[in-house]
N, C-alpha and C. Protein backbone atom coordinates (compact mmCIF):
# COMPACT_ATOMS: atom_id res chain seq x y z
N MET A 1 108.59 144.77 141.76
CA MET A 1 108.51 144.09 143.03
C MET A 1 109.16 142.71 142.94
N HIS A 2 108.84 141.94 141.92
CA HIS A 2 109.43 140.61 141.76
C HIS A 2 110.94 140.71 141.61
N ALA A 3 111.38 141.64 140.80
CA ALA A 3 112.81 141.81 140.55
C ALA A 3 113.54 142.19 141.84
N GLU A 4 112.92 143.03 142.64
CA GLU A 4 113.55 143.43 143.90
C GLU A 4 113.70 142.22 144.83
N PHE A 5 112.66 141.41 144.92
CA PHE A 5 112.73 140.22 145.76
C PHE A 5 113.83 139.27 145.28
N ILE A 6 113.86 139.01 143.99
CA ILE A 6 114.85 138.09 143.43
C ILE A 6 116.26 138.62 143.66
N SER A 7 116.45 139.93 143.51
CA SER A 7 117.79 140.49 143.70
C SER A 7 118.28 140.34 145.14
N ARG A 8 117.35 140.29 146.09
CA ARG A 8 117.75 140.08 147.48
C ARG A 8 118.20 138.65 147.73
N VAL A 9 117.66 137.72 146.95
CA VAL A 9 118.01 136.31 147.10
C VAL A 9 119.33 136.00 146.41
N SER A 10 119.46 136.46 145.15
CA SER A 10 120.66 136.14 144.38
C SER A 10 120.83 137.10 143.21
N ILE A 11 122.01 137.67 143.09
CA ILE A 11 122.29 138.57 141.97
C ILE A 11 122.25 137.79 140.65
N ASN A 12 122.77 136.57 140.63
CA ASN A 12 122.74 135.76 139.41
C ASN A 12 121.31 135.45 139.00
N ALA A 13 120.46 135.15 139.97
CA ALA A 13 119.04 134.90 139.66
C ALA A 13 118.40 136.16 139.09
N MET A 14 118.75 137.32 139.63
CA MET A 14 118.21 138.58 139.13
C MET A 14 118.63 138.82 137.69
N ILE A 15 119.88 138.54 137.39
CA ILE A 15 120.37 138.71 136.01
C ILE A 15 119.61 137.79 135.07
N ASN A 16 119.42 136.53 135.46
CA ASN A 16 118.68 135.58 134.62
C ASN A 16 117.23 135.99 134.45
N TYR A 17 116.62 136.48 135.53
CA TYR A 17 115.25 136.98 135.47
C TYR A 17 115.15 138.11 134.45
N HIS A 18 116.06 139.05 134.53
CA HIS A 18 116.05 140.21 133.63
C HIS A 18 116.25 139.79 132.17
N ILE A 19 117.17 138.88 131.93
CA ILE A 19 117.41 138.39 130.56
C ILE A 19 116.16 137.70 130.03
N ASP A 20 115.54 136.85 130.85
CA ASP A 20 114.32 136.16 130.42
C ASP A 20 113.17 137.15 130.19
N TYR A 21 113.07 138.16 131.05
CA TYR A 21 112.03 139.18 130.89
C TYR A 21 112.20 139.91 129.55
N GLN A 22 113.43 140.31 129.24
CA GLN A 22 113.69 141.00 127.98
C GLN A 22 113.36 140.10 126.78
N SER A 23 113.68 138.82 126.88
CA SER A 23 113.36 137.87 125.81
C SER A 23 111.85 137.74 125.64
N ALA A 24 111.12 137.69 126.75
CA ALA A 24 109.66 137.59 126.69
C ALA A 24 109.06 138.83 126.04
N ILE A 25 109.58 139.99 126.36
CA ILE A 25 109.10 141.24 125.75
C ILE A 25 109.34 141.21 124.25
N LYS A 26 110.49 140.73 123.81
CA LYS A 26 110.77 140.62 122.37
C LYS A 26 109.81 139.66 121.69
N LEU A 27 109.48 138.54 122.36
CA LEU A 27 108.51 137.60 121.81
C LEU A 27 107.13 138.23 121.68
N ILE A 28 106.73 138.96 122.69
CA ILE A 28 105.43 139.64 122.65
C ILE A 28 105.40 140.66 121.51
N LYS A 29 106.48 141.43 121.37
CA LYS A 29 106.53 142.44 120.30
C LYS A 29 106.50 141.81 118.92
N SER A 30 107.15 140.66 118.76
CA SER A 30 107.23 140.04 117.43
C SER A 30 105.94 139.35 117.02
N ASN A 31 105.18 138.82 117.98
CA ASN A 31 103.94 138.12 117.64
C ASN A 31 102.95 138.17 118.80
N PRO A 32 102.40 139.34 119.09
CA PRO A 32 101.51 139.46 120.26
C PRO A 32 100.24 138.63 120.16
N THR A 33 99.69 138.48 118.97
CA THR A 33 98.45 137.71 118.83
C THR A 33 98.69 136.21 118.90
N GLY A 34 99.93 135.79 118.87
CA GLY A 34 100.26 134.38 118.97
C GLY A 34 100.29 133.87 120.40
N LYS A 35 100.13 134.75 121.36
CA LYS A 35 100.14 134.36 122.76
C LYS A 35 98.74 133.97 123.21
N PRO A 36 98.65 133.06 124.20
CA PRO A 36 97.33 132.61 124.67
C PRO A 36 96.52 133.72 125.32
N LYS A 37 95.21 133.54 125.28
CA LYS A 37 94.30 134.49 125.92
C LYS A 37 94.35 134.31 127.43
N PHE A 38 94.19 135.42 128.13
CA PHE A 38 94.14 135.44 129.59
C PHE A 38 92.74 135.86 130.00
N LEU A 39 92.02 134.97 130.68
CA LEU A 39 90.67 135.28 131.11
C LEU A 39 90.70 135.97 132.47
N SER A 40 90.05 137.12 132.55
CA SER A 40 90.05 137.90 133.78
C SER A 40 88.61 138.19 134.20
N GLU A 41 88.30 137.81 135.44
CA GLU A 41 86.97 138.10 135.98
C GLU A 41 86.78 139.60 136.21
N LYS A 42 87.86 140.28 136.54
CA LYS A 42 87.78 141.71 136.85
C LYS A 42 87.71 142.57 135.59
N LEU A 43 88.27 142.08 134.48
CA LEU A 43 88.28 142.84 133.22
C LEU A 43 87.76 141.96 132.08
N PRO A 44 86.48 141.54 132.15
CA PRO A 44 85.96 140.61 131.13
C PRO A 44 85.86 141.21 129.72
N ASP A 45 85.80 142.53 129.63
CA ASP A 45 85.66 143.18 128.33
C ASP A 45 87.00 143.39 127.62
N ARG A 46 88.08 143.03 128.25
CA ARG A 46 89.43 143.22 127.67
C ARG A 46 89.88 141.96 126.94
N ASP A 47 90.64 142.16 125.88
CA ASP A 47 91.24 141.05 125.15
C ASP A 47 92.67 140.87 125.66
N LEU A 48 92.78 140.27 126.84
CA LEU A 48 94.08 140.11 127.48
C LEU A 48 94.76 138.84 127.00
N ARG A 49 96.08 138.88 126.98
CA ARG A 49 96.90 137.73 126.62
C ARG A 49 98.03 137.64 127.63
N TYR A 50 98.76 136.51 127.58
CA TYR A 50 99.87 136.37 128.52
C TYR A 50 101.05 135.66 127.87
N CYS A 51 102.21 135.86 128.51
CA CYS A 51 103.45 135.23 128.07
C CYS A 51 104.20 134.78 129.33
N LEU A 52 104.52 133.49 129.40
CA LEU A 52 105.28 132.97 130.53
C LEU A 52 106.77 133.22 130.33
N PHE A 53 107.48 133.42 131.45
CA PHE A 53 108.93 133.59 131.37
C PHE A 53 109.57 133.18 132.69
N TYR A 54 110.86 133.15 132.73
CA TYR A 54 111.69 132.76 133.87
C TYR A 54 111.24 131.44 134.46
N LYS A 55 111.55 130.38 133.73
CA LYS A 55 111.24 129.00 134.16
C LYS A 55 109.75 128.79 134.34
N ARG A 56 108.96 129.55 133.58
CA ARG A 56 107.50 129.48 133.61
C ARG A 56 106.93 129.85 134.98
N ARG A 57 107.69 130.60 135.75
CA ARG A 57 107.25 131.02 137.09
C ARG A 57 106.48 132.33 137.06
N TYR A 58 106.70 133.12 136.02
CA TYR A 58 106.08 134.44 135.94
C TYR A 58 105.31 134.58 134.64
N LYS A 59 104.26 135.39 134.70
CA LYS A 59 103.37 135.58 133.56
C LYS A 59 103.21 137.08 133.34
N ILE A 60 103.49 137.51 132.11
CA ILE A 60 103.26 138.91 131.72
C ILE A 60 101.86 138.96 131.12
N VAL A 61 100.99 139.76 131.70
CA VAL A 61 99.62 139.92 131.18
C VAL A 61 99.57 141.23 130.42
N PHE A 62 99.10 141.15 129.17
CA PHE A 62 99.10 142.34 128.32
C PHE A 62 97.88 142.39 127.43
N GLU A 63 97.67 143.56 126.85
CA GLU A 63 96.56 143.79 125.91
C GLU A 63 97.11 144.48 124.68
N ILE A 64 96.54 144.13 123.54
CA ILE A 64 96.90 144.77 122.28
C ILE A 64 95.76 145.73 121.92
N LYS A 65 96.11 147.00 121.74
CA LYS A 65 95.13 148.00 121.32
C LYS A 65 95.74 148.77 120.17
N ASP A 66 95.04 148.74 119.05
CA ASP A 66 95.54 149.38 117.83
C ASP A 66 96.94 148.83 117.54
N ASN A 67 97.93 149.64 117.51
CA ASN A 67 99.30 149.19 117.25
C ASN A 67 100.17 149.25 118.49
N ALA A 68 99.54 149.22 119.66
CA ALA A 68 100.29 149.31 120.91
C ALA A 68 100.03 148.09 121.78
N ILE A 69 101.00 147.77 122.62
CA ILE A 69 100.88 146.69 123.57
C ILE A 69 100.97 147.30 124.96
N PHE A 70 99.99 147.01 125.80
CA PHE A 70 99.95 147.52 127.16
C PHE A 70 100.12 146.37 128.14
N ILE A 71 101.14 146.46 128.98
CA ILE A 71 101.36 145.44 130.00
C ILE A 71 100.59 145.84 131.24
N TYR A 72 99.73 144.91 131.70
CA TYR A 72 98.90 145.18 132.86
C TYR A 72 99.50 144.66 134.15
N ASP A 73 100.19 143.52 134.08
CA ASP A 73 100.68 142.93 135.31
C ASP A 73 101.75 141.89 135.01
N ILE A 74 102.56 141.62 136.01
CA ILE A 74 103.48 140.48 136.00
C ILE A 74 103.09 139.66 137.22
N ILE A 75 102.67 138.43 136.96
CA ILE A 75 102.12 137.58 138.01
C ILE A 75 103.10 136.47 138.37
N ASP A 76 103.29 136.25 139.65
CA ASP A 76 104.07 135.12 140.14
C ASP A 76 103.14 133.91 140.13
N CYS A 77 103.38 132.97 139.24
CA CYS A 77 102.49 131.81 139.07
C CYS A 77 102.58 130.82 140.22
N ARG A 78 103.52 130.98 141.11
CA ARG A 78 103.65 130.08 142.25
C ARG A 78 102.70 130.47 143.37
N GLN A 79 102.07 131.63 143.29
CA GLN A 79 101.15 132.08 144.32
C GLN A 79 99.77 131.47 144.09
N SER A 80 98.90 131.58 145.07
CA SER A 80 97.55 131.02 144.96
C SER A 80 96.80 131.67 143.80
N SER A 81 95.85 130.94 143.25
CA SER A 81 95.12 131.42 142.08
C SER A 81 94.29 132.67 142.37
N LYS A 82 93.84 132.86 143.61
CA LYS A 82 93.08 134.06 143.95
C LYS A 82 93.93 135.32 143.84
N ARG A 83 95.23 135.20 144.10
CA ARG A 83 96.12 136.35 144.02
C ARG A 83 96.57 136.57 142.58
N ASN A 84 96.34 135.61 141.69
CA ASN A 84 96.78 135.70 140.31
C ASN A 84 95.70 136.26 139.39
N GLN A 85 94.92 137.17 139.87
CA GLN A 85 93.86 137.76 139.06
C GLN A 85 94.18 139.20 138.75
N VAL A 86 93.99 139.56 137.50
CA VAL A 86 94.21 140.95 137.08
C VAL A 86 92.91 141.68 137.25
């Protein structure tokens, strides 16, 4: 959804978003436990973490289980805090 919106605004912005997203995924894969914890009221029993990307405007929320990483959401940090809940 975010990528679609950005692509409507600017193709160059979409390319930069995609490059930053791929870099963030590589960072998560290389050191997932090094990312800060993400506190969620809706999922308090989960050990969620996050990684900021694209000018710190977006946040990838993920969980590490066994040897796998599960991405739960990509949050637009410019939106109100009530909408930024997983």
